[in-house]
N, C-alpha and C. Protein backbone atom coordinates (compact mmCIF):
# COMPACT_ATOMS: atom_id res chain seq x y z
N UNK A 1 1.43 -29.69 65.82
CA UNK A 1 2.51 -28.80 66.38
C UNK A 1 2.92 -27.85 64.98
N UNK A 2 2.27 -26.82 65.19
CA UNK A 2 2.50 -25.73 63.96
C UNK A 2 3.86 -25.05 64.31
N UNK A 3 4.73 -24.53 63.41
CA UNK A 3 5.84 -23.85 63.93
C UNK A 3 5.89 -23.09 62.22
N UNK A 4 6.84 -22.34 62.44
CA UNK A 4 7.10 -21.26 61.50
C UNK A 4 8.00 -21.90 60.51
N UNK A 5 7.52 -22.33 59.11
CA UNK A 5 8.57 -23.00 58.20
C UNK A 5 9.42 -22.20 57.70
N UNK A 6 9.39 -20.80 57.77
CA UNK A 6 10.44 -19.73 57.13
C UNK A 6 11.36 -19.89 58.21
N UNK A 7 11.34 -19.72 59.43
CA UNK A 7 12.37 -19.49 60.32
C UNK A 7 12.94 -21.07 60.55
N UNK A 8 12.01 -21.91 60.41
CA UNK A 8 12.80 -23.41 60.07
C UNK A 8 13.96 -23.48 59.02
N UNK A 9 13.36 -22.86 57.93
CA UNK A 9 14.24 -22.89 56.68
C UNK A 9 15.75 -22.32 57.05
N UNK A 10 15.23 -21.05 57.66
CA UNK A 10 16.68 -20.31 57.89
C UNK A 10 17.49 -20.93 58.76
N UNK A 11 17.03 -21.74 59.62
CA UNK A 11 17.82 -22.37 60.73
C UNK A 11 18.41 -23.31 59.86
N UNK A 12 17.71 -24.41 59.28
CA UNK A 12 18.19 -25.39 58.26
C UNK A 12 19.29 -25.05 57.59
N UNK A 13 19.22 -23.57 56.69
CA UNK A 13 20.19 -23.17 56.05
C UNK A 13 21.59 -22.74 56.74
N UNK A 14 21.30 -22.10 57.92
CA UNK A 14 22.61 -21.56 58.72
C UNK A 14 23.30 -23.02 59.42
N UNK A 15 22.63 -24.16 59.52
CA UNK A 15 23.49 -25.23 60.21
C UNK A 15 23.69 -26.34 59.30
N UNK A 16 23.16 -26.30 57.86
CA UNK A 16 23.25 -27.28 57.00
C UNK A 16 24.75 -27.92 56.81
N UNK A 17 25.81 -27.23 57.11
CA UNK A 17 27.12 -27.73 56.95
C UNK A 17 27.61 -28.54 58.00
N UNK A 18 26.96 -28.59 59.18
CA UNK A 18 27.44 -28.85 60.37
C UNK A 18 27.52 -30.61 60.65
N UNK A 19 26.82 -31.02 59.71
CA UNK A 19 26.97 -32.53 59.81
C UNK A 19 25.80 -33.30 60.61
N UNK A 20 25.95 -33.62 61.81
CA UNK A 20 25.28 -34.65 62.51
C UNK A 20 24.20 -33.66 63.05
N UNK A 21 22.97 -33.51 62.14
CA UNK A 21 21.52 -32.75 62.49
C UNK A 21 20.64 -33.59 62.56
N UNK A 22 19.70 -33.67 63.43
CA UNK A 22 18.35 -34.17 63.63
C UNK A 22 17.53 -33.31 63.75
N UNK A 23 16.21 -33.38 63.39
CA UNK A 23 14.77 -32.66 63.70
C UNK A 23 14.16 -33.33 64.52
N UNK A 24 13.61 -32.62 65.46
CA UNK A 24 12.66 -33.45 66.20
C UNK A 24 11.24 -32.62 66.84
N UNK A 25 10.26 -33.05 66.52
CA UNK A 25 9.23 -32.23 66.98
C UNK A 25 9.15 -32.16 68.69
N UNK A 26 9.16 -31.10 69.37
CA UNK A 26 9.01 -30.81 70.80
C UNK A 26 9.09 -29.55 71.08
N UNK A 27 8.49 -29.17 72.10
CA UNK A 27 8.42 -27.69 72.63
C UNK A 27 7.49 -27.06 71.78
N UNK A 28 6.36 -27.64 71.35
CA UNK A 28 5.37 -27.09 70.33
C UNK A 28 5.99 -26.77 69.12
N UNK A 29 6.89 -27.22 68.41
CA UNK A 29 7.25 -26.84 67.20
C UNK A 29 8.49 -27.81 66.94
N UNK A 30 9.72 -27.30 66.11
CA UNK A 30 10.70 -28.34 65.57
C UNK A 30 12.08 -27.84 66.43
N UNK A 31 12.38 -28.89 66.76
CA UNK A 31 13.87 -28.65 67.55
C UNK A 31 14.95 -29.26 66.70
N UNK A 32 16.05 -28.64 66.73
CA UNK A 32 17.28 -28.98 65.98
C UNK A 32 18.24 -29.36 66.76
N UNK A 33 18.50 -30.69 66.60
CA UNK A 33 19.65 -31.36 67.37
C UNK A 33 20.78 -31.32 66.43
N UNK A 34 22.01 -31.13 67.16
CA UNK A 34 23.18 -30.89 66.54
C UNK A 34 24.26 -31.71 67.34
N UNK A 35 24.83 -32.95 66.88
CA UNK A 35 25.70 -33.52 67.59
C UNK A 35 24.90 -34.44 68.69
N UNK A 36 23.82 -34.62 68.51
CA UNK A 36 22.85 -35.64 69.47
C UNK A 36 22.30 -34.61 70.75
N UNK A 37 22.67 -33.32 70.48
CA UNK A 37 22.41 -32.01 71.47
C UNK A 37 21.31 -31.25 71.20
N UNK A 38 20.19 -30.84 71.82
CA UNK A 38 19.15 -29.91 71.44
C UNK A 38 20.04 -28.74 71.31
N UNK A 39 19.93 -27.90 70.26
CA UNK A 39 20.52 -26.57 70.04
C UNK A 39 19.70 -25.68 69.98
N UNK A 40 18.77 -25.70 68.79
CA UNK A 40 18.00 -24.10 68.64
C UNK A 40 16.36 -25.04 68.21
N UNK A 41 15.49 -24.38 68.46
CA UNK A 41 14.08 -24.77 68.39
C UNK A 41 13.42 -23.49 67.56
N UNK A 42 12.17 -23.72 67.18
CA UNK A 42 11.52 -22.88 66.33
C UNK A 42 9.86 -23.38 66.69
N UNK A 43 9.26 -22.25 67.05
CA UNK A 43 7.71 -22.45 67.20
C UNK A 43 6.92 -21.43 66.27
N UNK A 44 5.79 -21.18 66.58
CA UNK A 44 5.07 -20.21 65.53
C UNK A 44 5.60 -18.95 65.26
N UNK A 45 6.22 -18.42 66.56
CA UNK A 45 6.58 -17.03 66.32
C UNK A 45 7.91 -16.49 66.91
N UNK A 46 8.62 -17.36 67.24
CA UNK A 46 9.99 -17.11 68.27
C UNK A 46 10.95 -18.56 67.63
N UNK A 47 12.08 -18.32 68.19
CA UNK A 47 12.95 -19.34 68.35
C UNK A 47 13.34 -19.65 69.82
N UNK A 48 13.58 -20.89 70.05
CA UNK A 48 14.23 -21.13 71.55
C UNK A 48 15.92 -21.55 71.38
N UNK A 49 16.45 -20.48 71.93
CA UNK A 49 18.00 -20.81 71.95
C UNK A 49 18.48 -21.67 72.93
N UNK A 50 19.47 -22.73 73.05
CA UNK A 50 20.00 -23.26 74.08
C UNK A 50 21.53 -22.44 74.17
N UNK A 51 21.51 -21.52 75.40
CA UNK A 51 22.96 -21.06 75.40
C UNK A 51 23.71 -21.36 76.75
N UNK A 52 24.53 -20.78 76.83
CA UNK A 52 25.77 -20.91 78.05
C UNK A 52 24.78 -20.26 79.43
N UNK A 53 24.52 -21.13 80.37
CA UNK A 53 23.84 -20.38 81.50
C UNK A 53 24.78 -19.41 82.26
N UNK A 54 25.85 -19.36 81.75
CA UNK A 54 26.82 -18.22 82.32
C UNK A 54 26.68 -16.96 81.52
N UNK A 55 25.81 -17.10 80.49
CA UNK A 55 25.58 -15.74 79.93
C UNK A 55 24.04 -15.29 79.78
N UNK A 56 23.55 -16.14 80.55
CA UNK A 56 21.93 -16.14 80.86
C UNK A 56 21.50 -14.51 81.01
N UNK A 57 21.92 -14.16 82.14
CA UNK A 57 21.47 -12.92 82.66
C UNK A 57 21.55 -11.84 81.46
N UNK A 58 22.82 -11.75 81.20
CA UNK A 58 22.95 -10.67 80.11
C UNK A 58 22.23 -10.83 78.82
N UNK A 59 22.00 -12.21 78.52
CA UNK A 59 21.28 -12.11 77.00
C UNK A 59 19.45 -11.78 77.54
N UNK A 60 19.19 -11.93 78.81
CA UNK A 60 17.75 -11.48 79.40
C UNK A 60 17.53 -10.22 79.09
N UNK A 61 18.79 -9.39 79.20
CA UNK A 61 18.61 -7.77 79.04
C UNK A 61 18.12 -7.58 77.45
N UNK A 62 18.36 -8.22 76.63
CA UNK A 62 18.29 -8.17 75.36
C UNK A 62 16.91 -7.79 74.97
N UNK A 63 16.19 -6.74 73.88
CA UNK A 63 15.01 -7.03 73.63
C UNK A 63 14.42 -8.17 73.12
N UNK A 64 13.34 -8.54 73.12
CA UNK A 64 12.59 -9.48 72.42
C UNK A 64 12.91 -11.03 72.94
N UNK A 65 13.56 -10.93 74.22
CA UNK A 65 14.06 -12.23 74.56
C UNK A 65 13.16 -12.35 75.93
N UNK A 66 12.78 -13.92 76.22
CA UNK A 66 12.00 -14.02 77.47
C UNK A 66 12.71 -15.28 78.02
N UNK A 67 12.46 -15.65 79.28
CA UNK A 67 12.93 -17.34 79.79
C UNK A 67 11.96 -18.45 79.11
N UNK A 68 12.74 -19.34 79.25
CA UNK A 68 12.03 -20.57 79.22
C UNK A 68 11.56 -20.93 80.55
N UNK A 69 10.30 -21.47 80.78
CA UNK A 69 9.84 -21.84 82.11
C UNK A 69 9.19 -23.26 81.85
N UNK A 70 9.57 -24.06 82.44
CA UNK A 70 9.12 -25.40 82.10
C UNK A 70 8.70 -26.11 83.59
N UNK A 71 7.48 -26.41 83.70
CA UNK A 71 6.78 -26.92 85.02
C UNK A 71 7.02 -25.89 85.86
N UNK A 72 6.91 -24.73 85.47
CA UNK A 72 6.84 -23.49 86.61
C UNK A 72 8.43 -23.07 87.00
N UNK A 73 9.19 -23.67 86.36
CA UNK A 73 10.80 -23.43 86.80
C UNK A 73 11.55 -22.90 85.73
N UNK A 74 12.15 -21.78 85.94
CA UNK A 74 12.77 -21.26 84.98
C UNK A 74 14.03 -21.67 84.40
N UNK A 75 14.41 -21.99 83.25
CA UNK A 75 15.36 -22.90 83.02
C UNK A 75 16.42 -22.01 82.47
N UNK A 76 17.50 -21.91 83.38
CA UNK A 76 18.58 -20.92 82.99
C UNK A 76 19.58 -21.70 81.59
N UNK A 77 19.76 -20.87 80.97
CA UNK A 77 20.21 -21.69 79.90
C UNK A 77 19.70 -21.85 78.56
N UNK A 78 18.17 -21.37 78.73
CA UNK A 78 17.19 -21.60 77.38
C UNK A 78 16.78 -20.25 77.52
N UNK A 79 16.25 -19.52 76.18
CA UNK A 79 15.76 -18.44 76.00
C UNK A 79 14.94 -18.69 74.73
N UNK A 80 13.52 -17.83 74.75
CA UNK A 80 12.88 -17.57 73.58
C UNK A 80 13.26 -16.13 72.73
N UNK A 81 13.44 -16.13 71.84
CA UNK A 81 13.62 -15.05 71.12
C UNK A 81 12.70 -14.69 70.17
N UNK A 82 11.89 -13.66 70.19
CA UNK A 82 11.07 -13.24 69.09
C UNK A 82 11.23 -12.95 67.76
N UNK A 83 10.61 -13.48 66.75
CA UNK A 83 11.00 -13.46 65.38
C UNK A 83 11.19 -12.03 64.84
N UNK A 84 10.32 -11.00 65.80
CA UNK A 84 10.76 -9.46 65.27
C UNK A 84 12.19 -8.92 65.59
N UNK A 85 12.84 -10.03 66.38
CA UNK A 85 14.07 -9.53 66.67
C UNK A 85 15.09 -10.11 65.77
N UNK A 86 14.94 -11.20 65.09
CA UNK A 86 15.67 -12.00 64.54
C UNK A 86 15.50 -11.83 62.98
N UNK A 87 14.86 -10.54 62.58
CA UNK A 87 14.51 -10.31 61.02
C UNK A 87 15.67 -10.05 60.34
N UNK A 88 16.76 -9.19 60.94
CA UNK A 88 18.05 -8.80 60.24
C UNK A 88 18.79 -10.31 60.33
N UNK A 89 19.66 -10.56 59.14
CA UNK A 89 20.75 -11.44 59.01
C UNK A 89 21.65 -11.49 60.48
N UNK A 90 22.12 -10.18 60.69
CA UNK A 90 23.08 -10.23 61.90
C UNK A 90 22.45 -10.36 62.92
N UNK A 91 21.26 -10.34 63.47
CA UNK A 91 20.80 -10.59 64.67
C UNK A 91 20.42 -12.14 64.76
N UNK A 92 19.94 -12.58 63.48
CA UNK A 92 19.57 -14.15 63.38
C UNK A 92 20.98 -15.03 63.66
N UNK A 93 21.83 -14.44 62.79
CA UNK A 93 23.29 -15.32 63.12
C UNK A 93 23.79 -15.23 64.35
N UNK A 94 23.46 -14.01 65.09
CA UNK A 94 23.89 -13.75 66.67
C UNK A 94 23.42 -14.88 67.47
N UNK A 95 22.14 -15.23 67.26
CA UNK A 95 21.66 -16.20 68.32
C UNK A 95 21.76 -17.69 67.61
N UNK A 96 21.87 -17.69 66.29
CA UNK A 96 22.41 -19.03 66.28
C UNK A 96 23.74 -19.57 66.48
N UNK A 97 24.65 -18.68 66.14
CA UNK A 97 25.96 -18.66 66.74
C UNK A 97 26.11 -19.04 68.27
N UNK A 98 25.37 -18.13 68.94
CA UNK A 98 25.54 -18.37 70.51
C UNK A 98 24.99 -19.84 70.80
N UNK A 99 24.12 -20.20 70.14
CA UNK A 99 23.43 -21.58 70.60
C UNK A 99 24.52 -22.73 69.95
N UNK A 100 25.01 -22.42 68.82
CA UNK A 100 26.15 -23.31 68.13
C UNK A 100 27.27 -23.48 69.08
N UNK A 101 27.65 -22.18 69.70
CA UNK A 101 29.12 -22.27 70.61
C UNK A 101 28.70 -22.91 71.92
N UNK A 102 27.51 -22.84 72.81
CA UNK A 102 27.21 -23.56 73.71
C UNK A 102 27.04 -25.35 73.26
N UNK A 103 26.88 -25.31 72.11
CA UNK A 103 26.56 -26.80 71.79
C UNK A 103 27.83 -27.66 72.01
N UNK A 104 28.80 -27.16 71.52
CA UNK A 104 30.01 -27.71 71.66
C UNK A 104 30.63 -28.23 72.84
N UNK A 105 30.01 -27.42 74.07
CA UNK A 105 30.39 -28.00 75.31
C UNK A 105 29.17 -28.50 75.98
N UNK A 106 28.16 -28.53 75.64
CA UNK A 106 26.72 -29.19 76.04
C UNK A 106 27.16 -30.35 76.28
N UNK A 107 26.21 -30.85 77.47
CA UNK A 107 26.45 -32.28 77.51
C UNK A 107 24.73 -32.94 77.04
N UNK A 108 24.99 -33.99 76.22
CA UNK A 108 23.68 -34.58 75.55
C UNK A 108 22.99 -35.14 76.90
N UNK A 109 21.53 -35.05 76.60
CA UNK A 109 20.72 -35.57 77.48
C UNK A 109 20.79 -37.23 77.74
N UNK A 110 20.79 -37.62 78.82
CA UNK A 110 21.07 -39.14 79.25
C UNK A 110 19.88 -40.12 78.14
N UNK A 111 20.26 -41.14 77.77
CA UNK A 111 19.24 -41.92 77.16
C UNK A 111 18.73 -42.73 77.89
N UNK A 112 17.54 -42.86 77.82
CA UNK A 112 16.44 -43.76 78.59
C UNK A 112 16.89 -45.11 78.54
N UNK A 113 17.17 -45.96 79.57
CA UNK A 113 17.66 -47.28 79.64
C UNK A 113 16.62 -48.18 79.08
N UNK A 114 17.06 -49.18 78.25
CA UNK A 114 16.01 -50.18 77.42
C UNK A 114 15.80 -51.15 78.82
N UNK A 115 14.47 -51.57 78.72
CA UNK A 115 14.07 -52.44 79.45
C UNK A 115 14.14 -53.96 79.18
């Protein structure tokens, strides 16, 4: 799973002070879990942000943003943002903060039952 280390380092730096952070390899890259919930991921050329589904349509109008499609289904609340769009600190911070804002109210995935 190749992912952009420079982007991953920017994310690490941006969320370093949050406390409960875990990195997991998934979605062909590295996902950053905040408080046990998927928050933001990085692959080779973009980041995937978990955002409030209520603002999904608005964010889709922004340049360099595309939907996350999983098993043929569009996942409202998840968007990919091109690394070209987040070159500036202002744009990068916008997407990180959007993800962190939703993380506070997002529900954690259900843990699989032990057999």
